[in-house]
N, C-alpha and C. Protein backbone atom coordinates (compact mmCIF):
# COMPACT_ATOMS: atom_id res chain seq x y z
N UNK A 1 130.45 117.02 62.32
CA UNK A 1 129.20 116.42 62.78
C UNK A 1 129.46 115.09 63.47
N UNK A 2 130.45 114.33 62.97
CA UNK A 2 130.75 113.03 63.58
C UNK A 2 131.41 113.21 64.93
N UNK A 3 131.04 112.38 65.90
CA UNK A 3 131.59 112.48 67.24
C UNK A 3 133.01 111.92 67.28
N UNK A 4 133.80 112.44 68.23
CA UNK A 4 135.15 111.90 68.40
C UNK A 4 135.11 110.50 68.99
N UNK A 5 133.95 110.06 69.43
CA UNK A 5 133.82 108.69 69.94
C UNK A 5 133.70 107.67 68.81
N UNK A 6 133.56 108.16 67.59
CA UNK A 6 133.36 107.26 66.46
C UNK A 6 134.55 107.33 65.52
N UNK A 7 134.86 106.21 64.95
CA UNK A 7 135.87 106.18 63.89
C UNK A 7 135.22 105.57 62.66
N UNK A 8 135.68 106.02 61.51
CA UNK A 8 135.09 105.56 60.26
C UNK A 8 135.92 104.41 59.71
N UNK A 9 135.29 103.29 59.47
CA UNK A 9 135.96 102.12 58.91
C UNK A 9 135.97 102.27 57.39
N UNK A 10 137.16 102.45 56.83
CA UNK A 10 137.27 102.72 55.40
C UNK A 10 136.91 101.51 54.55
N UNK A 11 136.98 100.32 55.11
CA UNK A 11 136.64 99.12 54.34
C UNK A 11 135.14 98.85 54.39
N UNK A 12 134.55 99.04 55.55
CA UNK A 12 133.12 98.78 55.70
C UNK A 12 132.26 100.00 55.37
N UNK A 13 132.90 101.18 55.31
CA UNK A 13 132.19 102.43 55.06
C UNK A 13 131.10 102.65 56.11
N UNK A 14 131.49 102.44 57.36
CA UNK A 14 130.55 102.61 58.47
C UNK A 14 131.30 103.20 59.66
N UNK A 15 130.55 103.89 60.52
CA UNK A 15 131.13 104.43 61.74
C UNK A 15 131.07 103.37 62.85
N UNK A 16 132.16 103.30 63.61
CA UNK A 16 132.23 102.37 64.73
C UNK A 16 132.33 103.17 66.04
N UNK A 17 131.56 102.76 67.01
CA UNK A 17 131.62 103.37 68.33
C UNK A 17 132.88 102.86 69.03
N UNK A 18 133.77 103.78 69.41
CA UNK A 18 135.05 103.38 69.99
C UNK A 18 134.88 102.74 71.36
N UNK A 19 133.81 103.08 72.07
CA UNK A 19 133.60 102.52 73.40
C UNK A 19 133.10 101.09 73.35
N UNK A 20 132.19 100.80 72.43
CA UNK A 20 131.58 99.47 72.37
C UNK A 20 132.21 98.59 71.29
N UNK A 21 132.87 99.21 70.30
CA UNK A 21 133.42 98.46 69.18
C UNK A 21 132.38 98.09 68.14
N UNK A 22 131.16 98.52 68.35
CA UNK A 22 130.08 98.16 67.43
C UNK A 22 129.88 99.24 66.37
N UNK A 23 129.42 98.79 65.20
CA UNK A 23 129.09 99.74 64.15
C UNK A 23 127.79 100.46 64.50
N UNK A 24 127.71 101.73 64.12
CA UNK A 24 126.45 102.45 64.25
C UNK A 24 125.47 101.91 63.22
N UNK A 25 124.25 101.69 63.63
CA UNK A 25 123.23 101.19 62.71
C UNK A 25 122.85 102.28 61.73
N UNK A 26 122.29 101.86 60.60
CA UNK A 26 121.82 102.83 59.61
C UNK A 26 120.74 103.72 60.20
N UNK A 27 119.91 103.15 61.08
CA UNK A 27 118.86 103.94 61.73
C UNK A 27 119.47 105.03 62.59
N UNK A 28 120.54 104.69 63.32
CA UNK A 28 121.22 105.68 64.15
C UNK A 28 121.84 106.78 63.31
N UNK A 29 122.50 106.40 62.22
CA UNK A 29 123.14 107.38 61.35
C UNK A 29 122.10 108.34 60.76
N UNK A 30 120.98 107.80 60.32
CA UNK A 30 119.96 108.67 59.74
C UNK A 30 119.33 109.55 60.80
N UNK A 31 119.22 109.02 62.01
CA UNK A 31 118.71 109.84 63.11
C UNK A 31 119.63 111.01 63.41
N UNK A 32 120.93 110.77 63.37
CA UNK A 32 121.90 111.84 63.58
C UNK A 32 121.79 112.89 62.48
N UNK A 33 121.64 112.40 61.24
CA UNK A 33 121.46 113.31 60.12
C UNK A 33 120.23 114.19 60.33
N UNK A 34 119.11 113.57 60.66
CA UNK A 34 117.87 114.31 60.78
C UNK A 34 117.89 115.27 61.97
N UNK A 35 118.52 114.85 63.08
CA UNK A 35 118.61 115.73 64.25
C UNK A 35 119.43 116.98 63.91
N UNK A 36 120.54 116.78 63.22
CA UNK A 36 121.39 117.90 62.85
C UNK A 36 120.66 118.85 61.90
N UNK A 37 120.01 118.28 60.89
CA UNK A 37 119.29 119.13 59.94
C UNK A 37 118.15 119.86 60.62
N UNK A 38 117.49 119.20 61.57
CA UNK A 38 116.42 119.85 62.30
C UNK A 38 116.91 121.08 63.05
N UNK A 39 118.10 120.97 63.64
CA UNK A 39 118.67 122.10 64.38
C UNK A 39 119.01 123.25 63.43
N UNK A 40 119.51 122.93 62.24
CA UNK A 40 119.85 123.98 61.27
C UNK A 40 118.60 124.64 60.70
N UNK A 41 117.56 123.85 60.50
CA UNK A 41 116.29 124.43 60.05
C UNK A 41 115.78 125.45 61.07
N UNK A 42 115.89 125.09 62.35
CA UNK A 42 115.45 125.99 63.39
C UNK A 42 116.28 127.27 63.40
N UNK A 43 117.59 127.15 63.21
CA UNK A 43 118.46 128.33 63.15
C UNK A 43 118.06 129.25 62.00
N UNK A 44 117.78 128.66 60.85
CA UNK A 44 117.41 129.47 59.68
C UNK A 44 116.07 130.16 59.89
N UNK A 45 115.13 129.47 60.51
CA UNK A 45 113.84 130.10 60.80
C UNK A 45 114.00 131.24 61.81
N UNK A 46 114.82 131.03 62.82
CA UNK A 46 115.04 132.07 63.83
C UNK A 46 115.67 133.31 63.21
N UNK A 47 116.56 133.12 62.24
CA UNK A 47 117.17 134.27 61.58
C UNK A 47 116.13 135.07 60.80
N UNK A 48 115.20 134.37 60.15
CA UNK A 48 114.11 135.07 59.44
C UNK A 48 113.28 135.88 60.44
N UNK A 49 112.97 135.27 61.57
CA UNK A 49 112.14 135.95 62.56
C UNK A 49 112.86 137.16 63.14
N UNK A 50 114.18 137.06 63.31
CA UNK A 50 114.94 138.23 63.77
C UNK A 50 114.84 139.36 62.76
N UNK A 51 114.91 139.02 61.48
CA UNK A 51 114.82 140.05 60.45
C UNK A 51 113.47 140.77 60.51
N UNK A 52 112.40 140.00 60.70
CA UNK A 52 111.08 140.61 60.75
C UNK A 52 110.84 141.37 62.05
N UNK A 53 111.52 140.97 63.13
CA UNK A 53 111.25 141.54 64.45
C UNK A 53 112.15 142.71 64.83
N UNK A 54 113.39 142.71 64.36
CA UNK A 54 114.37 143.67 64.86
C UNK A 54 114.74 144.71 63.81
N UNK A 55 114.66 145.97 64.20
CA UNK A 55 115.01 147.04 63.27
C UNK A 55 116.50 147.10 63.00
N UNK A 56 117.32 146.65 63.97
CA UNK A 56 118.77 146.74 63.79
C UNK A 56 119.37 145.47 63.18
N UNK A 57 118.51 144.56 62.69
CA UNK A 57 118.97 143.34 62.01
C UNK A 57 118.44 143.43 60.58
N UNK A 58 119.26 144.00 59.69
CA UNK A 58 118.76 144.32 58.36
C UNK A 58 118.92 143.14 57.40
N UNK A 59 118.55 143.38 56.15
CA UNK A 59 118.57 142.32 55.14
C UNK A 59 119.97 141.75 54.96
N UNK A 60 120.96 142.62 54.92
CA UNK A 60 122.34 142.15 54.74
C UNK A 60 122.79 141.26 55.90
N UNK A 61 122.41 141.63 57.13
CA UNK A 61 122.74 140.81 58.29
C UNK A 61 122.10 139.42 58.16
N UNK A 62 120.83 139.42 57.80
CA UNK A 62 120.10 138.16 57.68
C UNK A 62 120.71 137.27 56.60
N UNK A 63 120.98 137.85 55.42
CA UNK A 63 121.55 137.07 54.33
C UNK A 63 122.92 136.51 54.71
N UNK A 64 123.76 137.34 55.29
CA UNK A 64 125.11 136.91 55.64
C UNK A 64 125.09 135.76 56.65
N UNK A 65 124.29 135.90 57.69
CA UNK A 65 124.26 134.85 58.71
C UNK A 65 123.58 133.57 58.19
N UNK A 66 122.56 133.73 57.37
CA UNK A 66 121.89 132.56 56.80
C UNK A 66 122.83 131.80 55.86
N UNK A 67 123.59 132.53 55.08
CA UNK A 67 124.56 131.89 54.19
C UNK A 67 125.61 131.13 55.00
N UNK A 68 125.96 131.66 56.15
CA UNK A 68 126.91 130.95 57.01
C UNK A 68 126.36 129.61 57.49
N UNK A 69 125.07 129.60 57.84
CA UNK A 69 124.43 128.34 58.26
C UNK A 69 124.40 127.35 57.10
N UNK A 70 124.04 127.83 55.94
CA UNK A 70 123.96 126.97 54.75
C UNK A 70 125.32 126.36 54.44
N UNK A 71 126.36 127.18 54.48
CA UNK A 71 127.71 126.68 54.22
C UNK A 71 128.11 125.62 55.22
N UNK A 72 127.87 125.89 56.49
CA UNK A 72 128.28 124.95 57.54
C UNK A 72 127.52 123.63 57.46
N UNK A 73 126.22 123.71 57.19
CA UNK A 73 125.44 122.48 57.21
C UNK A 73 125.79 121.56 56.03
N UNK A 74 126.04 122.13 54.85
CA UNK A 74 126.40 121.28 53.72
C UNK A 74 127.79 120.68 53.91
N UNK A 75 128.69 121.48 54.48
CA UNK A 75 130.01 120.95 54.76
C UNK A 75 129.96 119.83 55.78
N UNK A 76 129.21 120.03 56.86
CA UNK A 76 129.13 119.02 57.91
C UNK A 76 128.47 117.74 57.41
N UNK A 77 127.40 117.86 56.63
CA UNK A 77 126.70 116.67 56.15
C UNK A 77 127.55 115.89 55.16
N UNK A 78 128.23 116.60 54.26
CA UNK A 78 129.08 115.90 53.31
C UNK A 78 130.22 115.19 54.04
N UNK A 79 130.86 115.88 54.96
CA UNK A 79 131.97 115.28 55.71
C UNK A 79 131.49 114.05 56.47
N UNK A 80 130.32 114.13 57.06
CA UNK A 80 129.77 112.99 57.80
C UNK A 80 129.57 111.80 56.87
N UNK A 81 128.99 112.05 55.70
CA UNK A 81 128.79 110.97 54.74
C UNK A 81 130.09 110.44 54.18
N UNK A 82 131.06 111.32 54.02
CA UNK A 82 132.34 110.95 53.40
C UNK A 82 133.23 110.14 54.32
N UNK A 83 133.07 110.32 55.63
CA UNK A 83 133.87 109.54 56.57
C UNK A 83 134.77 110.35 57.48
N UNK A 84 134.56 111.67 57.55
CA UNK A 84 135.33 112.50 58.47
C UNK A 84 136.29 113.45 57.77
N UNK A 85 136.74 114.43 58.53
CA UNK A 85 137.63 115.46 57.98
C UNK A 85 138.92 114.88 57.42
N UNK A 86 139.45 113.84 58.06
CA UNK A 86 140.78 113.35 57.67
C UNK A 86 140.80 112.67 56.31
N UNK A 87 139.64 112.35 55.73
CA UNK A 87 139.62 111.72 54.41
C UNK A 87 139.22 112.71 53.31
N UNK A 88 138.95 113.94 53.69
CA UNK A 88 138.52 114.94 52.71
C UNK A 88 139.71 115.38 51.85
N UNK A 89 139.49 115.38 50.54
CA UNK A 89 140.51 115.83 49.60
C UNK A 89 140.02 117.02 48.80
N UNK A 90 140.83 117.45 47.86
CA UNK A 90 140.49 118.62 47.04
C UNK A 90 139.19 118.41 46.27
N UNK A 91 139.00 117.19 45.73
CA UNK A 91 137.77 116.91 45.00
C UNK A 91 136.55 117.08 45.92
N UNK A 92 136.67 116.58 47.14
CA UNK A 92 135.55 116.66 48.08
C UNK A 92 135.20 118.11 48.40
N UNK A 93 136.21 118.91 48.71
CA UNK A 93 135.94 120.31 49.03
C UNK A 93 135.39 121.05 47.81
N UNK A 94 135.80 120.62 46.62
CA UNK A 94 135.25 121.21 45.41
C UNK A 94 133.77 120.92 45.27
N UNK A 95 133.38 119.69 45.58
CA UNK A 95 131.96 119.32 45.52
C UNK A 95 131.16 120.15 46.51
N UNK A 96 131.68 120.27 47.72
CA UNK A 96 130.99 121.06 48.74
C UNK A 96 130.87 122.51 48.29
N UNK A 97 131.96 123.05 47.76
CA UNK A 97 131.95 124.44 47.33
C UNK A 97 130.93 124.71 46.23
N UNK A 98 130.84 123.81 45.27
CA UNK A 98 129.87 124.00 44.18
C UNK A 98 128.44 123.90 44.70
N UNK A 99 128.22 122.98 45.64
CA UNK A 99 126.88 122.85 46.22
C UNK A 99 126.50 124.12 46.96
N UNK A 100 127.40 124.63 47.76
CA UNK A 100 127.12 125.83 48.54
C UNK A 100 126.86 127.03 47.63
N UNK A 101 127.65 127.18 46.58
CA UNK A 101 127.43 128.30 45.66
C UNK A 101 126.07 128.20 44.99
N UNK A 102 125.67 126.97 44.65
CA UNK A 102 124.35 126.78 44.05
C UNK A 102 123.25 127.17 45.03
N UNK A 103 123.41 126.79 46.30
CA UNK A 103 122.42 127.15 47.31
C UNK A 103 122.38 128.66 47.52
N UNK A 104 123.53 129.30 47.46
CA UNK A 104 123.57 130.75 47.59
C UNK A 104 122.75 131.42 46.48
N UNK A 105 122.83 130.89 45.27
CA UNK A 105 122.08 131.47 44.16
C UNK A 105 120.58 131.35 44.40
N UNK A 106 120.15 130.18 44.87
CA UNK A 106 118.72 130.01 45.19
C UNK A 106 118.32 130.97 46.31
N UNK A 107 119.19 131.08 47.31
CA UNK A 107 118.87 131.92 48.46
C UNK A 107 118.77 133.39 48.07
N UNK A 108 119.54 133.82 47.08
CA UNK A 108 119.49 135.20 46.65
C UNK A 108 118.10 135.56 46.13
N UNK A 109 117.51 134.66 45.36
CA UNK A 109 116.14 134.89 44.89
C UNK A 109 115.16 134.97 46.04
N UNK A 110 115.36 134.12 47.04
CA UNK A 110 114.53 134.14 48.25
C UNK A 110 114.67 135.48 48.96
N UNK A 111 115.91 135.94 49.12
CA UNK A 111 116.16 137.21 49.81
C UNK A 111 115.50 138.37 49.08
N UNK A 112 115.52 138.35 47.76
CA UNK A 112 114.90 139.42 46.99
C UNK A 112 113.39 139.43 47.18
N UNK A 113 112.80 138.23 47.29
CA UNK A 113 111.36 138.16 47.51
C UNK A 113 111.00 138.70 48.90
N UNK A 114 111.83 138.41 49.89
CA UNK A 114 111.60 138.94 51.24
C UNK A 114 111.76 140.45 51.24
N UNK A 115 112.81 140.95 50.58
CA UNK A 115 113.05 142.39 50.51
C UNK A 115 111.88 143.13 49.86
N UNK A 116 111.31 142.50 48.81
CA UNK A 116 110.22 143.15 48.08
C UNK A 116 108.87 143.00 48.77
N UNK A 117 108.83 142.24 49.86
CA UNK A 117 107.59 142.09 50.61
C UNK A 117 106.59 141.14 50.00
N UNK A 118 107.04 140.25 49.12
CA UNK A 118 106.10 139.33 48.48
C UNK A 118 105.87 138.06 49.30
N UNK A 119 106.62 137.92 50.41
CA UNK A 119 106.44 136.76 51.28
C UNK A 119 106.08 137.24 52.69
N UNK A 120 105.11 136.58 53.29
CA UNK A 120 104.77 136.89 54.68
C UNK A 120 105.83 136.31 55.60
N UNK A 121 105.76 136.66 56.86
CA UNK A 121 106.71 136.11 57.84
C UNK A 121 106.61 134.59 57.88
N UNK A 122 105.40 134.07 57.90
CA UNK A 122 105.21 132.62 57.96
C UNK A 122 105.74 131.95 56.70
N UNK A 123 105.46 132.53 55.55
CA UNK A 123 105.95 131.97 54.29
C UNK A 123 107.48 131.99 54.24
N UNK A 124 108.08 133.08 54.70
CA UNK A 124 109.53 133.19 54.70
C UNK A 124 110.16 132.17 55.65
N UNK A 125 109.53 131.97 56.80
CA UNK A 125 110.06 130.99 57.75
C UNK A 125 110.02 129.59 57.18
N UNK A 126 108.91 129.23 56.54
CA UNK A 126 108.79 127.90 55.96
C UNK A 126 109.80 127.71 54.83
N UNK A 127 109.99 128.74 54.03
CA UNK A 127 110.94 128.63 52.91
C UNK A 127 112.37 128.54 53.42
N UNK A 128 112.68 129.25 54.49
CA UNK A 128 114.03 129.19 55.06
C UNK A 128 114.37 127.77 55.50
N UNK A 129 113.39 127.08 56.06
CA UNK A 129 113.64 125.73 56.54
C UNK A 129 114.03 124.78 55.41
N UNK A 130 113.57 125.05 54.22
CA UNK A 130 113.90 124.19 53.09
C UNK A 130 115.41 124.15 52.84
N UNK A 131 116.09 125.26 53.14
CA UNK A 131 117.54 125.29 52.94
C UNK A 131 118.26 124.43 53.97
N UNK A 132 117.65 124.22 55.11
CA UNK A 132 118.22 123.29 56.08
C UNK A 132 118.00 121.85 55.67
N UNK A 133 116.83 121.56 55.11
CA UNK A 133 116.53 120.19 54.69
C UNK A 133 117.43 119.72 53.55
N UNK A 134 117.90 120.66 52.74
CA UNK A 134 118.69 120.30 51.55
C UNK A 134 120.01 119.63 51.90
N UNK A 135 120.43 119.73 53.15
CA UNK A 135 121.70 119.13 53.54
C UNK A 135 121.75 117.62 53.43
N UNK A 136 120.59 116.96 53.42
CA UNK A 136 120.59 115.50 53.33
C UNK A 136 121.20 115.02 52.02
N UNK A 137 121.02 115.78 50.94
CA UNK A 137 121.61 115.40 49.66
C UNK A 137 123.13 115.43 49.73
N UNK A 138 123.68 116.37 50.49
CA UNK A 138 125.14 116.43 50.62
C UNK A 138 125.67 115.22 51.36
N UNK A 139 124.95 114.77 52.37
CA UNK A 139 125.39 113.56 53.08
C UNK A 139 125.38 112.36 52.14
N UNK A 140 124.31 112.20 51.36
CA UNK A 140 124.22 111.06 50.46
C UNK A 140 125.29 111.13 49.38
N UNK A 141 125.60 112.33 48.90
CA UNK A 141 126.67 112.47 47.92
C UNK A 141 128.01 112.06 48.55
N UNK A 142 128.23 112.48 49.79
CA UNK A 142 129.45 112.09 50.48
C UNK A 142 129.58 110.59 50.64
N UNK A 143 128.48 109.92 50.90
CA UNK A 143 128.49 108.46 51.05
C UNK A 143 128.89 107.77 49.75
N UNK A 144 128.40 108.27 48.63
CA UNK A 144 128.76 107.65 47.36
C UNK A 144 130.22 107.95 47.00
N UNK A 145 130.67 109.16 47.31
CA UNK A 145 132.06 109.50 47.03
C UNK A 145 133.01 108.65 47.87
N UNK A 146 132.61 108.33 49.09
CA UNK A 146 133.45 107.50 49.96
C UNK A 146 133.71 106.13 49.35
N UNK A 147 132.79 105.69 48.53
CA UNK A 147 132.91 104.37 47.89
C UNK A 147 133.52 104.45 46.50
N UNK A 148 133.85 105.65 46.05
CA UNK A 148 134.43 105.81 44.73
C UNK A 148 133.44 105.64 43.60
N UNK A 149 132.16 105.88 43.88
CA UNK A 149 131.11 105.69 42.88
C UNK A 149 131.04 106.85 41.90
N UNK A 150 130.54 106.60 40.70
CA UNK A 150 130.27 107.71 39.77
C UNK A 150 129.12 108.55 40.29
N UNK A 151 128.99 109.76 39.75
CA UNK A 151 127.91 110.65 40.17
C UNK A 151 126.57 110.06 39.75
N UNK A 152 125.61 110.03 40.68
CA UNK A 152 124.29 109.49 40.39
C UNK A 152 123.41 110.57 39.76
N UNK A 153 122.34 110.12 39.10
CA UNK A 153 121.42 111.08 38.48
C UNK A 153 120.71 111.92 39.52
N UNK A 154 120.47 111.36 40.70
CA UNK A 154 119.83 112.13 41.75
C UNK A 154 120.12 111.50 43.11
N UNK A 155 119.87 112.30 44.15
CA UNK A 155 120.11 111.88 45.52
C UNK A 155 118.90 112.30 46.37
N UNK A 156 118.58 111.56 47.41
CA UNK A 156 117.49 111.99 48.29
C UNK A 156 117.72 113.41 48.80
N UNK A 157 116.71 114.24 48.69
CA UNK A 157 116.80 115.60 49.21
C UNK A 157 117.41 116.61 48.27
N UNK A 158 117.71 116.22 47.02
CA UNK A 158 118.35 117.18 46.12
C UNK A 158 117.35 118.06 45.37
N UNK A 159 116.06 117.90 45.67
CA UNK A 159 115.05 118.77 45.08
C UNK A 159 114.42 118.26 43.81
N UNK A 160 114.82 117.09 43.33
CA UNK A 160 114.28 116.59 42.06
C UNK A 160 112.96 115.84 42.23
N UNK A 161 112.59 115.49 43.46
CA UNK A 161 111.33 114.79 43.70
C UNK A 161 110.25 115.78 44.12
N UNK A 162 109.01 115.33 44.11
CA UNK A 162 107.89 116.20 44.47
C UNK A 162 108.02 116.76 45.89
N UNK A 163 108.65 115.99 46.76
CA UNK A 163 108.81 116.46 48.14
C UNK A 163 109.93 117.47 48.26
N UNK A 164 110.63 117.74 47.18
CA UNK A 164 111.70 118.73 47.18
C UNK A 164 112.84 118.33 48.11
N UNK A 165 113.30 119.31 48.89
CA UNK A 165 114.37 119.01 49.84
C UNK A 165 113.84 118.35 51.10
N UNK A 166 112.52 118.36 51.27
CA UNK A 166 111.90 117.77 52.46
C UNK A 166 111.75 116.27 52.26
N UNK A 167 112.90 115.60 52.15
CA UNK A 167 112.92 114.18 51.82
C UNK A 167 113.66 113.43 52.93
N UNK A 168 113.00 112.44 53.51
CA UNK A 168 113.60 111.66 54.59
C UNK A 168 114.17 110.35 54.09
N UNK A 169 114.22 110.18 52.77
CA UNK A 169 114.72 108.92 52.21
C UNK A 169 116.25 108.86 52.28
N UNK A 170 116.79 107.69 51.99
CA UNK A 170 118.25 107.50 52.01
C UNK A 170 118.60 106.41 51.01
N UNK A 171 119.88 106.31 50.70
CA UNK A 171 120.36 105.27 49.78
C UNK A 171 120.94 104.11 50.57
N UNK A 172 120.58 102.91 50.17
CA UNK A 172 121.20 101.70 50.70
C UNK A 172 122.17 101.21 49.63
N UNK A 173 123.45 101.24 49.96
CA UNK A 173 124.50 100.96 48.97
C UNK A 173 125.23 99.67 49.33
N UNK A 174 125.33 98.76 48.37
CA UNK A 174 126.04 97.50 48.58
C UNK A 174 127.01 97.28 47.43
N UNK A 175 128.25 96.95 47.81
CA UNK A 175 129.26 96.68 46.79
C UNK A 175 129.08 95.27 46.25
N UNK A 176 129.09 95.15 44.92
CA UNK A 176 128.96 93.85 44.26
C UNK A 176 130.01 93.77 43.16
N UNK A 177 130.14 92.61 42.56
CA UNK A 177 131.10 92.45 41.47
C UNK A 177 130.80 93.44 40.35
N UNK A 178 131.78 94.20 39.96
CA UNK A 178 131.63 95.12 38.84
C UNK A 178 130.99 96.44 39.16
N UNK A 179 130.64 96.68 40.43
CA UNK A 179 130.02 97.96 40.76
C UNK A 179 129.29 97.95 42.08
N UNK A 180 128.11 98.57 42.10
CA UNK A 180 127.35 98.71 43.33
C UNK A 180 125.85 98.53 43.04
N UNK A 181 125.15 98.02 44.02
CA UNK A 181 123.69 97.99 43.99
C UNK A 181 123.18 99.07 44.94
N UNK A 182 122.31 99.92 44.40
CA UNK A 182 121.80 101.06 45.17
C UNK A 182 120.28 100.96 45.25
N UNK A 183 119.76 100.93 46.47
CA UNK A 183 118.32 100.93 46.68
C UNK A 183 117.90 102.27 47.26
N UNK A 184 116.76 102.76 46.81
CA UNK A 184 116.19 104.01 47.33
C UNK A 184 115.27 103.61 48.49
N UNK A 185 115.70 103.88 49.71
CA UNK A 185 114.94 103.48 50.89
C UNK A 185 114.05 104.63 51.36
N UNK A 186 112.76 104.35 51.48
CA UNK A 186 111.82 105.37 51.92
C UNK A 186 112.04 105.68 53.39
N UNK A 187 111.91 106.97 53.73
CA UNK A 187 112.04 107.38 55.12
C UNK A 187 110.80 107.02 55.92
N UNK A 188 110.89 107.24 57.22
CA UNK A 188 109.78 106.89 58.11
C UNK A 188 108.60 107.83 57.93
N UNK A 189 108.86 109.05 57.46
CA UNK A 189 107.78 110.03 57.28
C UNK A 189 106.99 109.71 56.01
N UNK A 190 105.94 110.51 55.78
CA UNK A 190 105.18 110.36 54.54
C UNK A 190 106.11 110.59 53.35
N UNK A 191 105.87 109.86 52.27
CA UNK A 191 106.72 110.03 51.09
C UNK A 191 105.87 110.44 49.89
N UNK A 192 106.51 111.16 49.01
CA UNK A 192 105.81 111.62 47.81
C UNK A 192 105.78 110.50 46.77
N UNK A 193 104.98 110.71 45.73
CA UNK A 193 104.86 109.71 44.68
C UNK A 193 106.16 109.44 43.95
N UNK A 194 106.98 110.50 43.78
CA UNK A 194 108.26 110.31 43.10
C UNK A 194 109.17 109.37 43.90
N UNK A 195 109.21 109.55 45.21
CA UNK A 195 110.07 108.69 46.03
C UNK A 195 109.55 107.25 46.04
N UNK A 196 108.23 107.09 46.04
CA UNK A 196 107.67 105.74 45.99
C UNK A 196 108.04 105.06 44.67
N UNK A 197 108.02 105.85 43.59
CA UNK A 197 108.40 105.31 42.28
C UNK A 197 109.88 104.95 42.26
N UNK A 198 110.72 105.79 42.84
CA UNK A 198 112.15 105.51 42.88
C UNK A 198 112.44 104.28 43.73
N UNK A 199 111.69 104.11 44.80
CA UNK A 199 111.88 102.94 45.65
C UNK A 199 111.57 101.65 44.89
N UNK A 200 110.65 101.72 43.94
CA UNK A 200 110.33 100.56 43.13
C UNK A 200 111.36 100.34 42.03
N UNK A 201 111.83 101.42 41.42
CA UNK A 201 112.78 101.29 40.30
C UNK A 201 114.21 101.05 40.78
N UNK A 202 114.58 101.67 41.89
CA UNK A 202 115.92 101.44 42.46
C UNK A 202 115.80 100.35 43.51
N UNK A 203 115.59 99.12 43.07
CA UNK A 203 115.27 98.06 44.02
C UNK A 203 115.95 96.72 43.68
N UNK A 204 117.28 96.69 43.52
CA UNK A 204 118.16 97.87 43.50
C UNK A 204 118.50 98.28 42.08
N UNK A 205 119.15 99.42 41.97
CA UNK A 205 119.71 99.91 40.71
C UNK A 205 121.18 99.52 40.68
N UNK A 206 121.61 98.90 39.60
CA UNK A 206 123.04 98.54 39.49
C UNK A 206 123.81 99.71 38.90
N UNK A 207 124.87 100.12 39.59
CA UNK A 207 125.76 101.17 39.13
C UNK A 207 127.08 100.52 38.77
N UNK A 208 127.43 100.59 37.50
CA UNK A 208 128.66 99.97 37.06
C UNK A 208 129.88 100.76 37.50
N UNK A 209 130.95 100.07 37.80
CA UNK A 209 132.19 100.75 38.13
C UNK A 209 132.73 101.53 36.94
N UNK A 210 132.21 101.23 35.76
CA UNK A 210 132.58 101.97 34.54
C UNK A 210 131.82 103.28 34.44
N UNK A 211 130.85 103.48 35.35
CA UNK A 211 130.16 104.75 35.37
C UNK A 211 128.82 104.75 34.66
N UNK A 212 128.32 103.60 34.25
CA UNK A 212 127.05 103.54 33.52
C UNK A 212 125.98 102.87 34.38
N UNK A 213 124.92 103.62 34.85
CA UNK A 213 123.83 102.97 35.56
C UNK A 213 123.13 101.96 34.68
N UNK A 214 122.66 100.87 35.28
CA UNK A 214 121.96 99.84 34.51
C UNK A 214 120.70 99.40 35.26
């Protein structure tokens, strides 16, 4: 997902534009995240529509190709948050693999509902898009892993808030003595009550380097 024009600064944990020498702003990074996820959402919806429209595009074709999109988007988002392919290690690929397998399990239930005819075309299209939105949580997980942080209780877009995976929020992470301060930053779109509550409670939340949130 990251452009070859950008390099990741391992000390600042930010992407730098090689042409200008300037760091990409957080607004730019989130815009890139949202643009990419928007494109994957569209791909997943189009695959659903192909299934409903084409006799020679059966359930197995739809599931296989949709799983491919899900795998690629979580990998790309995590890598982008982590700092690029060259810093990915076995632990990172393990995290991506577990996330993808979990998404496959959710998708299987979705596929069974489509097969059984319990979802209309419109309902199936809307539900397919949710799997594209879920990629934002992988990016945020990658960002925390890049800093060597312990696993957080939750991440924007991981489905634990009322807005589910349709979450435009992000984490603002600052290194401090003994750990990190993490703020839950509301996205530009409408936010659910859970995210508003998290923005108040994580303002900021101190994460100890010992692994204990405070």
